[in-house]
Amino acid sequence: MIFFGANSTKIAVEPIEDECTNCHTAGTMDAHIFQRYAHIFMIPLFPAGKYSVSQCNHCRKVLRERAMPTGLKLSCDKIKTQTHAPLWTWAGLIALLFLAVISVY
């Protein structure tokens, strides 16, 4: 049984105008932004960082952040700064805070 760990969820998909490094087709790239979060008993506690992956819609080539060229990485980083962690990734801490307030009261 897993008591604690980390997981991730997709929070945004945005088109980007960069050229694919595999098929060299322009305007077919999408940036997929994922939010990592820590959990206990599969209840999310808090967000733990974001990462991005790019995918070409023409050849389906997927690039992780480490393999992205500089221009593509900058485009993904811009989208990453514009996205926010979903409120449900804070559910565990919100519940613990609520229980602490109730127990003090």
C-alpha atoms as a PDB file:
ATOM      1  CA  MET A   1       0.000   0.000   0.000  1.00  0.00           C
ATOM      2  CA  ILE A   2       1.340   3.426  -0.963  1.00  0.00           C
ATOM      3  CA  PHE A   3       1.109   5.964   1.851  1.00  0.00           C
ATOM      4  CA  PHE A   4       2.768   8.953   0.209  1.00  0.00           C
ATOM      5  CA  GLY A   5       4.249   9.941  -3.115  1.00  0.00           C
ATOM      6  CA  ALA A   6       4.007  12.307  -6.043  1.00  0.00           C
ATOM      7  CA  ASN A   7       1.862  12.417  -9.140  1.00  0.00           C
ATOM      8  CA  SER A   8       1.221  14.853 -11.963  1.00  0.00           C
ATOM      9  CA  THR A   9      -1.749  16.159 -13.910  1.00  0.00           C
ATOM     10  CA  LYS A  10      -2.069  18.054 -17.188  1.00  0.00           C
ATOM     11  CA  ILE A  11      -3.129  21.650 -16.576  1.00  0.00           C
ATOM     12  CA  ALA A  12      -2.717  23.297 -19.998  1.00  0.00           C
ATOM     13  CA  VAL A  13      -2.244  22.591 -23.705  1.00  0.00           C
ATOM     14  CA  GLU A  14      -1.297  25.604 -25.827  1.00  0.00           C
ATOM     15  CA  PRO A  15      -0.247  25.833 -29.480  1.00  0.00           C
ATOM     16  CA  ILE A  16       3.189  27.311 -30.142  1.00  0.00           C
ATOM     17  CA  GLU A  17       4.569  28.639 -33.412  1.00  0.00           C
ATOM     18  CA  ASP A  18       8.000  26.996 -33.265  1.00  0.00           C
ATOM     19  CA  GLU A  19       9.281  24.554 -35.870  1.00  0.00           C
ATOM     20  CA  CYS A  20       9.420  20.831 -35.140  1.00  0.00           C
ATOM     21  CA  THR A  21      12.982  19.543 -34.756  1.00  0.00           C
ATOM     22  CA  ASN A  22      12.035  16.208 -36.318  1.00  0.00           C
ATOM     23  CA  CYS A  23       9.900  16.976 -39.404  1.00  0.00           C
ATOM     24  CA  HIS A  24      10.724  20.740 -39.668  1.00  0.00           C
ATOM     25  CA  THR A  25       7.059  21.682 -40.029  1.00  0.00           C
ATOM     26  CA  ALA A  26       6.266  25.138 -38.660  1.00  0.00           C
ATOM     27  CA  GLY A  27       3.202  25.915 -36.542  1.00  0.00           C
ATOM     28  CA  THR A  28       2.306  22.350 -35.598  1.00  0.00           C
ATOM     29  CA  MET A  29       3.718  22.254 -32.065  1.00  0.00           C
ATOM     30  CA  ASP A  30       1.719  22.080 -28.843  1.00  0.00           C
ATOM     31  CA  ALA A  31       3.077  22.726 -25.351  1.00  0.00           C
ATOM     32  CA  HIS A  32       1.640  20.454 -22.664  1.00  0.00           C
ATOM     33  CA  ILE A  33       2.078  21.779 -19.122  1.00  0.00           C
ATOM     34  CA  PHE A  34       1.930  19.347 -16.206  1.00  0.00           C
ATOM     35  CA  GLN A  35       1.631  20.098 -12.483  1.00  0.00           C
ATOM     36  CA  ARG A  36       3.355  17.784 -10.013  1.00  0.00           C
ATOM     37  CA  TYR A  37       1.819  17.377  -6.566  1.00  0.00           C
ATOM     38  CA  ALA A  38       2.571  15.447  -3.398  1.00  0.00           C
ATOM     39  CA  HIS A  39      -0.082  13.168  -1.950  1.00  0.00           C
ATOM     40  CA  ILE A  40      -0.841  11.004   1.075  1.00  0.00           C
ATOM     41  CA  PHE A  41      -3.233   8.100   0.533  1.00  0.00           C
ATOM     42  CA  MET A  42      -3.930   9.580  -2.926  1.00  0.00           C
ATOM     43  CA  ILE A  43      -5.213  12.833  -1.352  1.00  0.00           C
ATOM     44  CA  PRO A  44      -3.262  15.731  -2.879  1.00  0.00           C
ATOM     45  CA  LEU A  45      -1.423  17.851  -0.317  1.00  0.00           C
ATOM     46  CA  PHE A  46       0.374  20.608  -2.207  1.00  0.00           C
ATOM     47  CA  PRO A  47       1.734  21.427  -5.682  1.00  0.00           C
ATOM     48  CA  ALA A  48       5.391  20.550  -6.148  1.00  0.00           C
ATOM     49  CA  GLY A  49       6.409  22.170  -9.439  1.00  0.00           C
ATOM     50  CA  LYS A  50       5.553  22.264 -13.113  1.00  0.00           C
ATOM     51  CA  TYR A  51       7.161  20.779 -16.189  1.00  0.00           C
ATOM     52  CA  SER A  52       6.447  20.984 -19.891  1.00  0.00           C
ATOM     53  CA  VAL A  53       6.492  18.634 -22.855  1.00  0.00           C
ATOM     54  CA  SER A  54       6.157  19.632 -26.503  1.00  0.00           C
ATOM     55  CA  GLN A  55       4.481  17.513 -29.164  1.00  0.00           C
ATOM     56  CA  CYS A  56       4.333  17.965 -32.921  1.00  0.00           C
ATOM     57  CA  ASN A  57       0.838  17.413 -34.298  1.00  0.00           C
ATOM     58  CA  HIS A  58       2.269  16.406 -37.673  1.00  0.00           C
ATOM     59  CA  CYS A  59       4.819  13.705 -36.814  1.00  0.00           C
ATOM     60  CA  ARG A  60       3.778  13.138 -33.149  1.00  0.00           C
ATOM     61  CA  LYS A  61       7.359  13.642 -31.892  1.00  0.00           C
ATOM     62  CA  VAL A  62       7.446  14.394 -28.155  1.00  0.00           C
ATOM     63  CA  LEU A  63      10.264  16.409 -26.593  1.00  0.00           C
ATOM     64  CA  ARG A  64      10.880  16.700 -22.876  1.00  0.00           C
ATOM     65  CA  GLU A  65      12.329  19.896 -21.436  1.00  0.00           C
ATOM     66  CA  ARG A  66      15.895  18.575 -21.430  1.00  0.00           C
ATOM     67  CA  ALA A  67      15.762  17.777 -25.164  1.00  0.00           C
ATOM     68  CA  MET A  68      14.085  21.018 -26.302  1.00  0.00           C
ATOM     69  CA  PRO A  69      16.039  23.601 -28.283  1.00  0.00           C
ATOM     70  CA  THR A  70      16.418  26.986 -26.579  1.00  0.00           C
ATOM     71  CA  GLY A  71      13.660  28.782 -28.530  1.00  0.00           C
ATOM     72  CA  LEU A  72      11.125  26.041 -27.897  1.00  0.00           C
ATOM     73  CA  LYS A  73      12.055  25.897 -24.213  1.00  0.00           C
ATOM     74  CA  LEU A  74      11.536  29.670 -23.887  1.00  0.00           C
ATOM     75  CA  SER A  75       8.078  29.378 -25.495  1.00  0.00           C
ATOM     76  CA  CYS A  76       7.130  26.583 -23.081  1.00  0.00           C
ATOM     77  CA  ASP A  77       8.503  28.516 -20.092  1.00  0.00           C
ATOM     78  CA  LYS A  78       6.378  31.533 -21.036  1.00  0.00           C
ATOM     79  CA  ILE A  79       3.231  29.363 -21.061  1.00  0.00           C
ATOM     80  CA  LYS A  80       4.335  27.696 -17.824  1.00  0.00           C
ATOM     81  CA  THR A  81       4.535  31.043 -16.012  1.00  0.00           C
ATOM     82  CA  GLN A  82       1.011  31.942 -17.167  1.00  0.00           C
ATOM     83  CA  THR A  83      -0.573  28.765 -15.778  1.00  0.00           C
ATOM     84  CA  HIS A  84      -1.446  28.249 -12.123  1.00  0.00           C
ATOM     85  CA  ALA A  85      -1.775  25.185  -9.946  1.00  0.00           C
ATOM     86  CA  PRO A  86      -5.369  23.932  -9.673  1.00  0.00           C
ATOM     87  CA  LEU A  87      -7.011  24.549  -6.299  1.00  0.00           C
ATOM     88  CA  TRP A  88      -7.666  20.838  -5.782  1.00  0.00           C
ATOM     89  CA  THR A  89      -3.899  20.185  -5.524  1.00  0.00           C
ATOM     90  CA  TRP A  90      -4.057  22.057  -2.194  1.00  0.00           C
ATOM     91  CA  ALA A  91      -7.010  19.971  -0.915  1.00  0.00           C
ATOM     92  CA  GLY A  92      -5.048  18.036   1.709  1.00  0.00           C
ATOM     93  CA  LEU A  93      -3.470  21.094   3.305  1.00  0.00           C
ATOM     94  CA  ILE A  94      -6.774  22.979   3.219  1.00  0.00           C
ATOM     95  CA  ALA A  95      -8.462  20.049   4.990  1.00  0.00           C
ATOM     96  CA  LEU A  96      -5.671  19.809   7.589  1.00  0.00           C
ATOM     97  CA  LEU A  97      -5.850  23.566   8.213  1.00  0.00           C
ATOM     98  CA  PHE A  98      -9.620  23.342   8.597  1.00  0.00           C
ATOM     99  CA  LEU A  99      -9.269  20.474  11.103  1.00  0.00           C
ATOM    100  CA  ALA A 100      -6.617  22.425  13.051  1.00  0.00           C
ATOM    101  CA  VAL A 101      -8.838  25.508  13.265  1.00  0.00           C
ATOM    102  CA  ILE A 102     -11.822  23.423  14.362  1.00  0.00           C
ATOM    103  CA  SER A 103      -9.773  21.581  17.017  1.00  0.00           C
ATOM    104  CA  VAL A 104      -8.401  24.864  18.431  1.00  0.00           C
ATOM    105  CA  TYR A 105     -11.815  26.445  18.467  1.00  0.00           C
END
